[in-house]
Amino acid sequence: MNSTFKIFLFSAVLSLTFACNNDDDDGTDTINPPNEDVCNYQGLTFYTTSNGTETLIPGAELTAQYVTGGSNGPEIEIYKTTNPGFFNFTTIAVNEGATGTGTINLDGNTYANLAITCQRGVTGTTGAVVGDEFRFDIVGNGLEIELCVIVTDLTLGYIDADGDGCGSQTISYGFGVLNNIDTDDTDSSICN
């Protein structure tokens, strides 16, 4: 192996290792740039440190619903518009500076107990409106994820425990239905 090829290979490995740190960077610290609350990439950057793979989903392909109500408070549900089963994420860490844990589903894989920081989100007590920007820094289990989205709609979701398409009075924290007309959410023959 000639030395030119070795240098090229080493450079390629370095660029794969450090080019996708997903954080904003002023160019002075390429290994551990600081997290900031400004999105340079609208959408999902999902980086696996163990094998160096990266998945990008542009913001235009994501739906971000701000869901209000329920005993746990508001949440944001983010999913791939054309294929929610390929990517989805839900968190109640919607206030700027809030932290918590959560789960991401990506391409049939579930990544649980991830540390979530809401770097940009709701400030004050008024909640989100359509057009608000959210930025999440998500790490754990050999993953580094940045998620920057614009709220596309506001909704109130309800649990459909019996799968009949009608929701109960309980707020859904996940992908629920948009009605609360089910008087018996244990019997799929009753939908009123």
N, C-alpha and C. Protein backbone atom coordinates (compact mmCIF):
# COMPACT_ATOMS: atom_id res chain seq x y z
N MET A 1 0.86 -1.16 0.00
CA MET A 1 0.00 0.00 0.00
C MET A 1 0.91 1.23 0.00
N ASN A 2 0.74 2.10 -0.99
CA ASN A 2 1.62 3.25 -1.06
C ASN A 2 1.21 4.30 -0.02
N SER A 3 2.15 5.21 0.27
CA SER A 3 1.92 6.18 1.34
C SER A 3 0.82 7.17 1.00
N THR A 4 0.66 7.51 -0.28
CA THR A 4 -0.41 8.44 -0.67
C THR A 4 -1.77 7.84 -0.37
N PHE A 5 -1.93 6.56 -0.69
CA PHE A 5 -3.21 5.89 -0.43
C PHE A 5 -3.47 5.79 1.08
N LYS A 6 -2.41 5.52 1.87
CA LYS A 6 -2.56 5.45 3.33
C LYS A 6 -3.03 6.79 3.89
N ILE A 7 -2.45 7.88 3.42
CA ILE A 7 -2.84 9.20 3.89
C ILE A 7 -4.29 9.48 3.50
N PHE A 8 -4.68 9.13 2.27
CA PHE A 8 -6.05 9.33 1.83
C PHE A 8 -7.02 8.53 2.69
N LEU A 9 -6.68 7.25 2.96
CA LEU A 9 -7.54 6.39 3.78
C LEU A 9 -7.67 6.95 5.20
N PHE A 10 -6.55 7.39 5.79
CA PHE A 10 -6.56 7.97 7.13
C PHE A 10 -7.43 9.23 7.15
N SER A 11 -7.30 10.08 6.13
CA SER A 11 -8.11 11.30 6.05
C SER A 11 -9.58 10.97 5.92
N ALA A 12 -9.92 9.96 5.13
CA ALA A 12 -11.32 9.56 4.96
C ALA A 12 -11.90 9.06 6.27
N VAL A 13 -11.13 8.26 7.03
CA VAL A 13 -11.59 7.76 8.31
C VAL A 13 -11.80 8.92 9.28
N LEU A 14 -10.87 9.88 9.30
CA LEU A 14 -11.03 11.04 10.18
C LEU A 14 -12.28 11.84 9.82
N SER A 15 -12.52 12.03 8.55
CA SER A 15 -13.69 12.82 8.16
C SER A 15 -14.98 12.08 8.51
N LEU A 16 -14.99 10.77 8.39
CA LEU A 16 -16.16 10.00 8.79
C LEU A 16 -16.36 10.05 10.30
N THR A 17 -15.26 10.06 11.04
CA THR A 17 -15.35 10.04 12.49
C THR A 17 -15.79 11.37 13.04
N PHE A 18 -15.28 12.47 12.51
CA PHE A 18 -15.52 13.76 13.13
C PHE A 18 -16.43 14.69 12.33
N ALA A 19 -16.70 14.39 11.08
CA ALA A 19 -17.50 15.30 10.27
C ALA A 19 -18.94 15.36 10.74
N CYS A 20 -19.41 14.31 11.36
CA CYS A 20 -20.81 14.29 11.78
C CYS A 20 -20.89 14.34 13.29
N ASN A 21 -20.49 15.45 13.86
CA ASN A 21 -20.67 15.61 15.30
C ASN A 21 -22.03 16.18 15.60
N ASN A 22 -22.73 16.65 14.57
CA ASN A 22 -24.11 17.10 14.67
C ASN A 22 -24.30 18.39 15.45
N ASP A 23 -23.30 18.88 16.10
CA ASP A 23 -23.45 20.10 16.88
C ASP A 23 -22.96 21.29 16.07
N ASP A 24 -23.43 22.47 16.47
CA ASP A 24 -22.92 23.68 15.85
C ASP A 24 -21.45 23.82 16.20
N ASP A 25 -20.69 24.38 15.32
CA ASP A 25 -19.26 24.46 15.54
C ASP A 25 -18.73 25.72 14.89
N ASP A 26 -17.90 26.44 15.62
CA ASP A 26 -17.29 27.64 15.05
C ASP A 26 -15.99 27.30 14.31
N GLY A 27 -15.66 26.02 14.22
CA GLY A 27 -14.48 25.58 13.50
C GLY A 27 -13.25 25.39 14.36
N THR A 28 -13.29 25.79 15.63
CA THR A 28 -12.11 25.69 16.48
C THR A 28 -12.03 24.37 17.22
N ASP A 29 -13.14 23.69 17.40
CA ASP A 29 -13.14 22.42 18.13
C ASP A 29 -13.92 21.40 17.31
N THR A 30 -13.21 20.61 16.51
CA THR A 30 -13.89 19.67 15.62
C THR A 30 -14.22 18.36 16.30
N ILE A 31 -13.63 18.07 17.44
CA ILE A 31 -13.91 16.81 18.12
C ILE A 31 -15.10 16.94 19.06
N ASN A 32 -15.13 17.97 19.87
CA ASN A 32 -16.23 18.16 20.82
C ASN A 32 -16.76 19.59 20.73
N PRO A 33 -17.38 19.96 19.61
CA PRO A 33 -17.90 21.32 19.53
C PRO A 33 -19.05 21.52 20.52
N PRO A 34 -19.25 22.76 20.95
CA PRO A 34 -20.30 23.01 21.94
C PRO A 34 -21.69 22.89 21.34
N ASN A 35 -22.63 22.49 22.18
CA ASN A 35 -24.03 22.50 21.76
C ASN A 35 -24.53 23.93 21.81
N GLU A 36 -25.34 24.30 20.84
CA GLU A 36 -25.95 25.62 20.81
C GLU A 36 -27.42 25.44 20.50
N ASP A 37 -28.17 26.52 20.62
CA ASP A 37 -29.61 26.41 20.41
C ASP A 37 -30.05 26.87 19.03
N VAL A 38 -29.15 26.89 18.08
CA VAL A 38 -29.47 27.30 16.71
C VAL A 38 -29.32 26.09 15.80
N CYS A 39 -30.30 25.86 14.95
CA CYS A 39 -30.24 24.72 14.04
C CYS A 39 -29.57 25.12 12.73
N ASN A 40 -28.52 24.42 12.39
CA ASN A 40 -27.90 24.61 11.08
C ASN A 40 -28.46 23.62 10.07
N TYR A 41 -29.09 22.56 10.56
CA TYR A 41 -29.69 21.55 9.68
C TYR A 41 -31.09 21.28 10.20
N GLN A 42 -32.09 21.59 9.42
CA GLN A 42 -33.45 21.28 9.83
C GLN A 42 -33.72 19.81 9.54
N GLY A 43 -34.01 19.05 10.57
CA GLY A 43 -34.30 17.64 10.41
C GLY A 43 -33.56 16.81 11.43
N LEU A 44 -33.31 15.57 11.07
CA LEU A 44 -32.68 14.60 11.96
C LEU A 44 -31.28 14.27 11.46
N THR A 45 -30.31 14.35 12.35
CA THR A 45 -29.00 13.75 12.09
C THR A 45 -28.79 12.70 13.17
N PHE A 46 -28.65 11.47 12.76
CA PHE A 46 -28.60 10.31 13.65
C PHE A 46 -27.28 9.62 13.38
N TYR A 47 -26.35 9.68 14.33
CA TYR A 47 -25.01 9.16 14.14
C TYR A 47 -24.73 8.03 15.13
N THR A 48 -24.30 6.88 14.62
CA THR A 48 -23.95 5.74 15.44
C THR A 48 -22.44 5.69 15.57
N THR A 49 -21.92 5.91 16.78
CA THR A 49 -20.47 5.96 16.96
C THR A 49 -19.80 4.60 16.82
N SER A 50 -20.52 3.53 17.09
CA SER A 50 -19.90 2.20 17.04
C SER A 50 -19.51 1.77 15.63
N ASN A 51 -20.31 2.15 14.64
CA ASN A 51 -19.95 1.74 13.27
C ASN A 51 -19.86 2.92 12.30
N GLY A 52 -20.00 4.14 12.81
CA GLY A 52 -19.80 5.32 11.98
C GLY A 52 -20.88 5.57 10.95
N THR A 53 -22.06 4.99 11.12
CA THR A 53 -23.12 5.24 10.15
C THR A 53 -23.91 6.47 10.53
N GLU A 54 -24.41 7.15 9.52
CA GLU A 54 -25.19 8.36 9.74
C GLU A 54 -26.47 8.28 8.93
N THR A 55 -27.56 8.71 9.55
CA THR A 55 -28.84 8.79 8.86
C THR A 55 -29.29 10.24 8.91
N LEU A 56 -29.65 10.79 7.77
CA LEU A 56 -30.16 12.15 7.71
C LEU A 56 -31.59 12.12 7.18
N ILE A 57 -32.48 12.83 7.83
CA ILE A 57 -33.84 13.01 7.34
C ILE A 57 -34.11 14.51 7.34
N PRO A 58 -34.30 15.10 6.17
CA PRO A 58 -34.55 16.55 6.12
C PRO A 58 -35.84 16.93 6.85
N GLY A 59 -35.86 18.14 7.37
CA GLY A 59 -37.03 18.63 8.09
C GLY A 59 -38.30 18.61 7.25
N ALA A 60 -38.17 18.78 5.94
CA ALA A 60 -39.34 18.76 5.06
C ALA A 60 -40.03 17.40 5.05
N GLU A 61 -39.32 16.34 5.47
CA GLU A 61 -39.90 14.99 5.49
C GLU A 61 -40.42 14.60 6.87
N LEU A 62 -40.36 15.53 7.83
CA LEU A 62 -40.79 15.24 9.20
C LEU A 62 -42.03 16.04 9.55
N THR A 63 -42.89 15.43 10.35
CA THR A 63 -44.03 16.11 10.94
C THR A 63 -43.75 16.27 12.42
N ALA A 64 -43.95 17.47 12.93
CA ALA A 64 -43.75 17.75 14.35
C ALA A 64 -45.07 18.26 14.92
N GLN A 65 -45.73 17.42 15.71
CA GLN A 65 -46.99 17.79 16.34
C GLN A 65 -46.73 18.18 17.78
N TYR A 66 -47.25 19.31 18.18
CA TYR A 66 -47.23 19.72 19.58
C TYR A 66 -48.57 19.29 20.16
N VAL A 67 -48.53 18.33 21.09
CA VAL A 67 -49.74 17.75 21.66
C VAL A 67 -49.95 18.35 23.05
N THR A 68 -51.13 18.92 23.27
CA THR A 68 -51.43 19.53 24.56
C THR A 68 -52.35 18.64 25.37
N GLY A 69 -52.39 18.88 26.66
CA GLY A 69 -53.30 18.17 27.55
C GLY A 69 -52.68 16.94 28.19
N GLY A 70 -53.42 16.34 29.08
CA GLY A 70 -52.99 15.11 29.73
C GLY A 70 -52.29 15.35 31.04
N SER A 71 -52.18 14.31 31.84
CA SER A 71 -51.60 14.44 33.17
C SER A 71 -50.10 14.65 33.14
N ASN A 72 -49.43 14.25 32.08
CA ASN A 72 -47.98 14.43 31.98
C ASN A 72 -47.61 15.78 31.39
N GLY A 73 -48.58 16.56 30.97
CA GLY A 73 -48.31 17.86 30.37
C GLY A 73 -48.14 17.74 28.87
N PRO A 74 -47.71 18.82 28.21
CA PRO A 74 -47.57 18.79 26.76
C PRO A 74 -46.39 17.94 26.31
N GLU A 75 -46.43 17.53 25.06
CA GLU A 75 -45.34 16.76 24.48
C GLU A 75 -45.20 17.15 23.01
N ILE A 76 -44.11 16.72 22.42
CA ILE A 76 -43.95 16.87 20.99
C ILE A 76 -43.76 15.48 20.39
N GLU A 77 -44.48 15.21 19.31
CA GLU A 77 -44.37 13.94 18.58
C GLU A 77 -43.80 14.27 17.22
N ILE A 78 -42.69 13.61 16.88
CA ILE A 78 -42.02 13.87 15.61
C ILE A 78 -41.92 12.54 14.87
N TYR A 79 -42.30 12.54 13.60
CA TYR A 79 -42.24 11.31 12.83
C TYR A 79 -42.04 11.62 11.35
N LYS A 80 -41.58 10.60 10.61
CA LYS A 80 -41.40 10.75 9.17
C LYS A 80 -42.78 10.76 8.53
N THR A 81 -43.08 11.84 7.83
CA THR A 81 -44.42 12.06 7.33
C THR A 81 -44.93 10.92 6.47
N THR A 82 -44.11 10.44 5.55
CA THR A 82 -44.56 9.39 4.63
C THR A 82 -44.42 8.00 5.20
N ASN A 83 -43.72 7.84 6.32
CA ASN A 83 -43.51 6.51 6.89
C ASN A 83 -43.21 6.63 8.38
N PRO A 84 -44.24 6.87 9.24
CA PRO A 84 -43.99 7.01 10.67
C PRO A 84 -43.29 5.80 11.29
N GLY A 85 -43.45 4.62 10.69
CA GLY A 85 -42.78 3.43 11.21
C GLY A 85 -41.28 3.46 11.00
N PHE A 86 -40.80 4.25 10.03
CA PHE A 86 -39.36 4.35 9.79
C PHE A 86 -38.68 5.19 10.86
N PHE A 87 -39.31 6.31 11.24
CA PHE A 87 -38.76 7.15 12.31
C PHE A 87 -39.89 7.78 13.10
N ASN A 88 -39.79 7.67 14.45
CA ASN A 88 -40.69 8.41 15.32
C ASN A 88 -40.03 8.63 16.67
N PHE A 89 -40.43 9.73 17.29
CA PHE A 89 -39.84 10.16 18.56
C PHE A 89 -40.89 10.99 19.30
N THR A 90 -41.03 10.76 20.59
CA THR A 90 -41.96 11.52 21.43
C THR A 90 -41.26 11.89 22.72
N THR A 91 -41.46 13.13 23.17
CA THR A 91 -40.89 13.54 24.45
C THR A 91 -41.78 14.57 25.12
N ILE A 92 -41.74 14.58 26.46
CA ILE A 92 -42.41 15.63 27.22
C ILE A 92 -41.41 16.71 27.64
N ALA A 93 -40.15 16.57 27.25
CA ALA A 93 -39.13 17.60 27.50
C ALA A 93 -39.25 18.67 26.43
N VAL A 94 -40.26 19.53 26.56
CA VAL A 94 -40.54 20.53 25.53
C VAL A 94 -40.15 21.94 25.93
N ASN A 95 -39.87 22.17 27.21
CA ASN A 95 -39.45 23.49 27.64
C ASN A 95 -37.96 23.66 27.43
N GLU A 96 -37.57 24.83 26.96
CA GLU A 96 -36.16 25.10 26.71
C GLU A 96 -35.35 24.82 27.97
N GLY A 97 -34.31 24.00 27.82
CA GLY A 97 -33.46 23.62 28.95
C GLY A 97 -33.90 22.36 29.67
N ALA A 98 -35.08 21.84 29.35
CA ALA A 98 -35.58 20.63 30.01
C ALA A 98 -34.77 19.41 29.59
N THR A 99 -34.66 18.46 30.50
CA THR A 99 -33.96 17.21 30.22
C THR A 99 -34.87 16.04 30.58
N GLY A 100 -34.54 14.89 30.06
CA GLY A 100 -35.30 13.69 30.35
C GLY A 100 -34.72 12.52 29.61
N THR A 101 -35.45 11.43 29.61
CA THR A 101 -35.05 10.27 28.84
C THR A 101 -36.14 9.96 27.83
N GLY A 102 -35.77 9.23 26.80
CA GLY A 102 -36.75 8.91 25.79
C GLY A 102 -36.31 7.79 24.88
N THR A 103 -37.16 7.49 23.92
CA THR A 103 -36.95 6.40 22.99
C THR A 103 -37.11 6.93 21.57
N ILE A 104 -36.24 6.44 20.69
CA ILE A 104 -36.36 6.74 19.26
C ILE A 104 -36.51 5.42 18.52
N ASN A 105 -37.39 5.40 17.56
CA ASN A 105 -37.52 4.27 16.65
C ASN A 105 -37.02 4.72 15.29
N LEU A 106 -36.05 3.98 14.75
CA LEU A 106 -35.48 4.31 13.45
C LEU A 106 -35.25 3.04 12.67
N ASP A 107 -35.89 2.95 11.53
CA ASP A 107 -35.68 1.85 10.58
C ASP A 107 -35.83 0.48 11.24
N GLY A 108 -36.87 0.33 12.07
CA GLY A 108 -37.14 -0.95 12.71
C GLY A 108 -36.36 -1.22 13.98
N ASN A 109 -35.49 -0.30 14.38
CA ASN A 109 -34.72 -0.46 15.61
C ASN A 109 -35.23 0.50 16.67
N THR A 110 -35.32 0.04 17.91
CA THR A 110 -35.73 0.87 19.03
C THR A 110 -34.53 1.17 19.90
N TYR A 111 -34.32 2.46 20.16
CA TYR A 111 -33.22 2.91 21.01
C TYR A 111 -33.85 3.57 22.23
N ALA A 112 -33.73 2.89 23.39
CA ALA A 112 -34.41 3.35 24.60
C ALA A 112 -33.41 3.98 25.57
N ASN A 113 -33.96 4.63 26.58
CA ASN A 113 -33.18 5.26 27.66
C ASN A 113 -32.13 6.23 27.16
N LEU A 114 -32.49 7.01 26.16
CA LEU A 114 -31.59 8.02 25.63
C LEU A 114 -31.75 9.31 26.44
N ALA A 115 -30.64 10.01 26.68
CA ALA A 115 -30.68 11.28 27.41
C ALA A 115 -31.07 12.39 26.45
N ILE A 116 -32.13 13.13 26.79
CA ILE A 116 -32.67 14.17 25.93
C ILE A 116 -32.47 15.53 26.61
N THR A 117 -31.98 16.48 25.84
CA THR A 117 -31.93 17.87 26.28
C THR A 117 -32.67 18.71 25.25
N CYS A 118 -33.65 19.46 25.70
CA CYS A 118 -34.37 20.39 24.82
C CYS A 118 -33.57 21.69 24.81
N GLN A 119 -32.81 21.88 23.74
CA GLN A 119 -31.95 23.06 23.65
C GLN A 119 -32.71 24.29 23.16
N ARG A 120 -33.77 24.05 22.44
CA ARG A 120 -34.61 25.16 21.99
C ARG A 120 -36.03 24.65 21.99
N GLY A 121 -36.93 25.35 22.68
CA GLY A 121 -38.30 24.89 22.78
C GLY A 121 -39.19 25.94 23.38
N VAL A 122 -40.15 25.50 24.16
CA VAL A 122 -41.12 26.39 24.76
C VAL A 122 -40.44 27.22 25.85
N THR A 123 -40.71 28.51 25.82
CA THR A 123 -40.28 29.39 26.91
C THR A 123 -41.54 29.99 27.51
N GLY A 124 -41.58 30.09 28.82
CA GLY A 124 -42.77 30.62 29.47
C GLY A 124 -43.84 29.56 29.62
N THR A 125 -45.08 29.99 29.78
CA THR A 125 -46.17 29.06 30.06
C THR A 125 -47.22 29.02 28.96
N THR A 126 -46.97 29.67 27.84
CA THR A 126 -48.01 29.74 26.81
C THR A 126 -48.03 28.55 25.87
N GLY A 127 -47.04 27.70 25.89
CA GLY A 127 -47.00 26.55 24.99
C GLY A 127 -46.45 26.92 23.63
N ALA A 128 -46.50 25.98 22.71
CA ALA A 128 -45.95 26.18 21.37
C ALA A 128 -47.05 26.61 20.42
N VAL A 129 -46.62 27.21 19.32
CA VAL A 129 -47.53 27.54 18.22
C VAL A 129 -46.92 27.00 16.94
N VAL A 130 -47.75 26.84 15.93
CA VAL A 130 -47.26 26.40 14.62
C VAL A 130 -46.17 27.36 14.16
N GLY A 131 -45.05 26.81 13.72
CA GLY A 131 -43.92 27.62 13.28
C GLY A 131 -42.80 27.73 14.30
N ASP A 132 -43.06 27.33 15.57
CA ASP A 132 -42.00 27.35 16.58
C ASP A 132 -40.95 26.30 16.25
N GLU A 133 -39.70 26.63 16.57
CA GLU A 133 -38.59 25.71 16.31
C GLU A 133 -38.22 24.98 17.60
N PHE A 134 -37.99 23.68 17.48
CA PHE A 134 -37.51 22.85 18.58
C PHE A 134 -36.19 22.22 18.18
N ARG A 135 -35.27 22.16 19.13
CA ARG A 135 -34.00 21.48 18.90
C ARG A 135 -33.73 20.57 20.09
N PHE A 136 -33.44 19.30 19.78
CA PHE A 136 -33.14 18.32 20.82
C PHE A 136 -31.75 17.74 20.60
N ASP A 137 -31.00 17.63 21.68
CA ASP A 137 -29.72 16.92 21.69
C ASP A 137 -30.00 15.61 22.40
N ILE A 138 -29.74 14.48 21.73
CA ILE A 138 -30.10 13.17 22.25
C ILE A 138 -28.87 12.28 22.18
N VAL A 139 -28.47 11.70 23.30
CA VAL A 139 -27.29 10.85 23.33
C VAL A 139 -27.55 9.61 24.18
N GLY A 140 -26.73 8.58 23.94
CA GLY A 140 -26.78 7.36 24.73
C GLY A 140 -26.66 6.15 23.85
N ASN A 141 -26.21 5.04 24.42
CA ASN A 141 -26.09 3.77 23.72
C ASN A 141 -25.28 3.88 22.43
N GLY A 142 -24.23 4.71 22.44
CA GLY A 142 -23.38 4.85 21.26
C GLY A 142 -24.01 5.68 20.15
N LEU A 143 -24.98 6.52 20.49
CA LEU A 143 -25.66 7.35 19.51
C LEU A 143 -25.46 8.81 19.83
N GLU A 144 -25.40 9.62 18.79
CA GLU A 144 -25.43 11.06 18.93
C GLU A 144 -26.44 11.57 17.93
N ILE A 145 -27.49 12.22 18.44
CA ILE A 145 -28.62 12.60 17.60
C ILE A 145 -28.92 14.07 17.82
N GLU A 146 -29.08 14.79 16.73
CA GLU A 146 -29.58 16.16 16.77
C GLU A 146 -30.89 16.17 15.99
N LEU A 147 -31.90 16.78 16.58
CA LEU A 147 -33.21 16.82 15.96
C LEU A 147 -33.70 18.25 16.00
N CYS A 148 -33.82 18.87 14.83
CA CYS A 148 -34.29 20.25 14.72
C CYS A 148 -35.53 20.25 13.84
N VAL A 149 -36.63 20.72 14.40
CA VAL A 149 -37.90 20.68 13.66
C VAL A 149 -38.68 21.96 13.90
N ILE A 150 -39.59 22.23 12.99
CA ILE A 150 -40.54 23.31 13.10
C ILE A 150 -41.90 22.68 13.38
N VAL A 151 -42.62 23.17 14.40
CA VAL A 151 -43.95 22.64 14.71
C VAL A 151 -44.86 22.86 13.51
N THR A 152 -45.45 21.76 13.02
CA THR A 152 -46.32 21.82 11.85
C THR A 152 -47.79 21.88 12.22
N ASP A 153 -48.16 21.31 13.38
CA ASP A 153 -49.54 21.43 13.82
C ASP A 153 -49.67 21.18 15.31
N LEU A 154 -50.76 21.69 15.86
CA LEU A 154 -51.10 21.51 17.27
C LEU A 154 -52.25 20.53 17.32
N THR A 155 -52.20 19.62 18.28
CA THR A 155 -53.26 18.61 18.34
C THR A 155 -53.44 18.11 19.76
N LEU A 156 -54.54 17.42 19.97
CA LEU A 156 -54.83 16.76 21.22
C LEU A 156 -55.10 15.30 20.88
N GLY A 157 -54.27 14.40 21.34
CA GLY A 157 -54.39 12.99 20.99
C GLY A 157 -55.00 12.18 22.11
N TYR A 158 -55.77 11.15 21.74
CA TYR A 158 -56.44 10.29 22.71
C TYR A 158 -56.09 8.82 22.47
N ILE A 159 -56.05 8.06 23.52
CA ILE A 159 -55.72 6.64 23.43
C ILE A 159 -56.88 5.87 22.81
N ASP A 160 -56.54 4.94 21.90
CA ASP A 160 -57.51 4.02 21.31
C ASP A 160 -57.08 2.62 21.73
N ALA A 161 -57.46 2.22 22.96
CA ALA A 161 -56.98 0.97 23.55
C ALA A 161 -57.52 -0.26 22.83
N ASP A 162 -58.74 -0.19 22.28
CA ASP A 162 -59.31 -1.37 21.65
C ASP A 162 -59.17 -1.37 20.13
N GLY A 163 -58.52 -0.37 19.57
CA GLY A 163 -58.19 -0.36 18.15
C GLY A 163 -59.35 -0.16 17.20
N ASP A 164 -60.43 0.48 17.67
CA ASP A 164 -61.58 0.67 16.79
C ASP A 164 -61.60 2.03 16.09
N GLY A 165 -60.55 2.81 16.28
CA GLY A 165 -60.48 4.11 15.62
C GLY A 165 -61.11 5.24 16.42
N CYS A 166 -61.63 4.91 17.59
CA CYS A 166 -62.25 5.92 18.46
C CYS A 166 -61.45 6.00 19.75
N GLY A 167 -61.14 7.21 20.16
CA GLY A 167 -60.33 7.42 21.35
C GLY A 167 -61.15 7.52 22.61
N SER A 168 -60.48 7.26 23.74
CA SER A 168 -61.13 7.40 25.04
C SER A 168 -60.79 8.78 25.61
N GLN A 169 -61.13 8.99 26.84
CA GLN A 169 -60.89 10.29 27.48
C GLN A 169 -59.44 10.45 27.94
N THR A 170 -58.64 9.44 27.83
CA THR A 170 -57.26 9.51 28.29
C THR A 170 -56.38 10.05 27.18
N ILE A 171 -55.52 10.99 27.52
CA ILE A 171 -54.62 11.59 26.53
C ILE A 171 -53.54 10.58 26.15
N SER A 172 -53.21 10.54 24.86
CA SER A 172 -52.20 9.62 24.36
C SER A 172 -50.82 10.26 24.38
N TYR A 173 -49.86 9.54 24.90
CA TYR A 173 -48.47 9.95 24.79
C TYR A 173 -47.79 8.94 23.88
N GLY A 174 -47.92 9.14 22.64
CA GLY A 174 -47.53 8.27 21.56
C GLY A 174 -48.46 8.63 20.43
N PHE A 175 -48.66 7.78 19.48
CA PHE A 175 -49.46 8.11 18.31
C PHE A 175 -50.89 7.65 18.53
N GLY A 176 -51.70 8.55 19.06
CA GLY A 176 -53.09 8.26 19.36
C GLY A 176 -54.00 8.71 18.24
N VAL A 177 -55.31 8.71 18.53
CA VAL A 177 -56.30 9.17 17.57
C VAL A 177 -56.73 10.58 17.97
N LEU A 178 -57.41 11.28 17.06
CA LEU A 178 -57.72 12.68 17.29
C LEU A 178 -59.13 12.91 17.81
N ASN A 179 -59.86 11.86 18.21
CA ASN A 179 -61.20 12.05 18.76
C ASN A 179 -61.29 11.40 20.14
N ASN A 180 -62.27 11.81 20.92
CA ASN A 180 -62.47 11.22 22.25
C ASN A 180 -63.94 10.84 22.42
N ILE A 181 -64.43 10.05 21.46
CA ILE A 181 -65.85 9.70 21.45
C ILE A 181 -66.16 8.29 21.97
N ASP A 182 -65.14 7.50 22.30
CA ASP A 182 -65.36 6.12 22.71
C ASP A 182 -65.79 6.05 24.17
N THR A 183 -66.97 5.52 24.41
CA THR A 183 -67.47 5.38 25.78
C THR A 183 -67.02 4.08 26.43
N ASP A 184 -66.53 3.12 25.62
CA ASP A 184 -66.00 1.87 26.17
C ASP A 184 -64.77 1.48 25.34
N ASP A 185 -63.58 1.86 25.84
CA ASP A 185 -62.34 1.63 25.09
C ASP A 185 -61.77 0.24 25.36
N THR A 186 -62.62 -0.66 25.86
CA THR A 186 -62.22 -2.06 26.01
C THR A 186 -62.99 -2.97 25.05
N ASP A 187 -63.96 -2.40 24.33
CA ASP A 187 -64.81 -3.17 23.42
C ASP A 187 -64.75 -2.52 22.04
N SER A 188 -64.13 -3.22 21.07
CA SER A 188 -63.94 -2.64 19.73
C SER A 188 -65.23 -2.53 18.95
N SER A 189 -66.34 -3.13 19.43
CA SER A 189 -67.60 -2.99 18.73
C SER A 189 -68.35 -1.71 19.12
N ILE A 190 -67.81 -1.03 20.16
CA ILE A 190 -68.43 0.21 20.61
C ILE A 190 -67.53 1.37 20.22
N CYS A 191 -68.07 2.28 19.41
CA CYS A 191 -67.29 3.44 18.97
C CYS A 191 -68.21 4.67 19.01
N ASN A 192 -68.61 5.04 20.20
CA ASN A 192 -69.44 6.25 20.36
C ASN A 192 -69.34 6.79 21.77
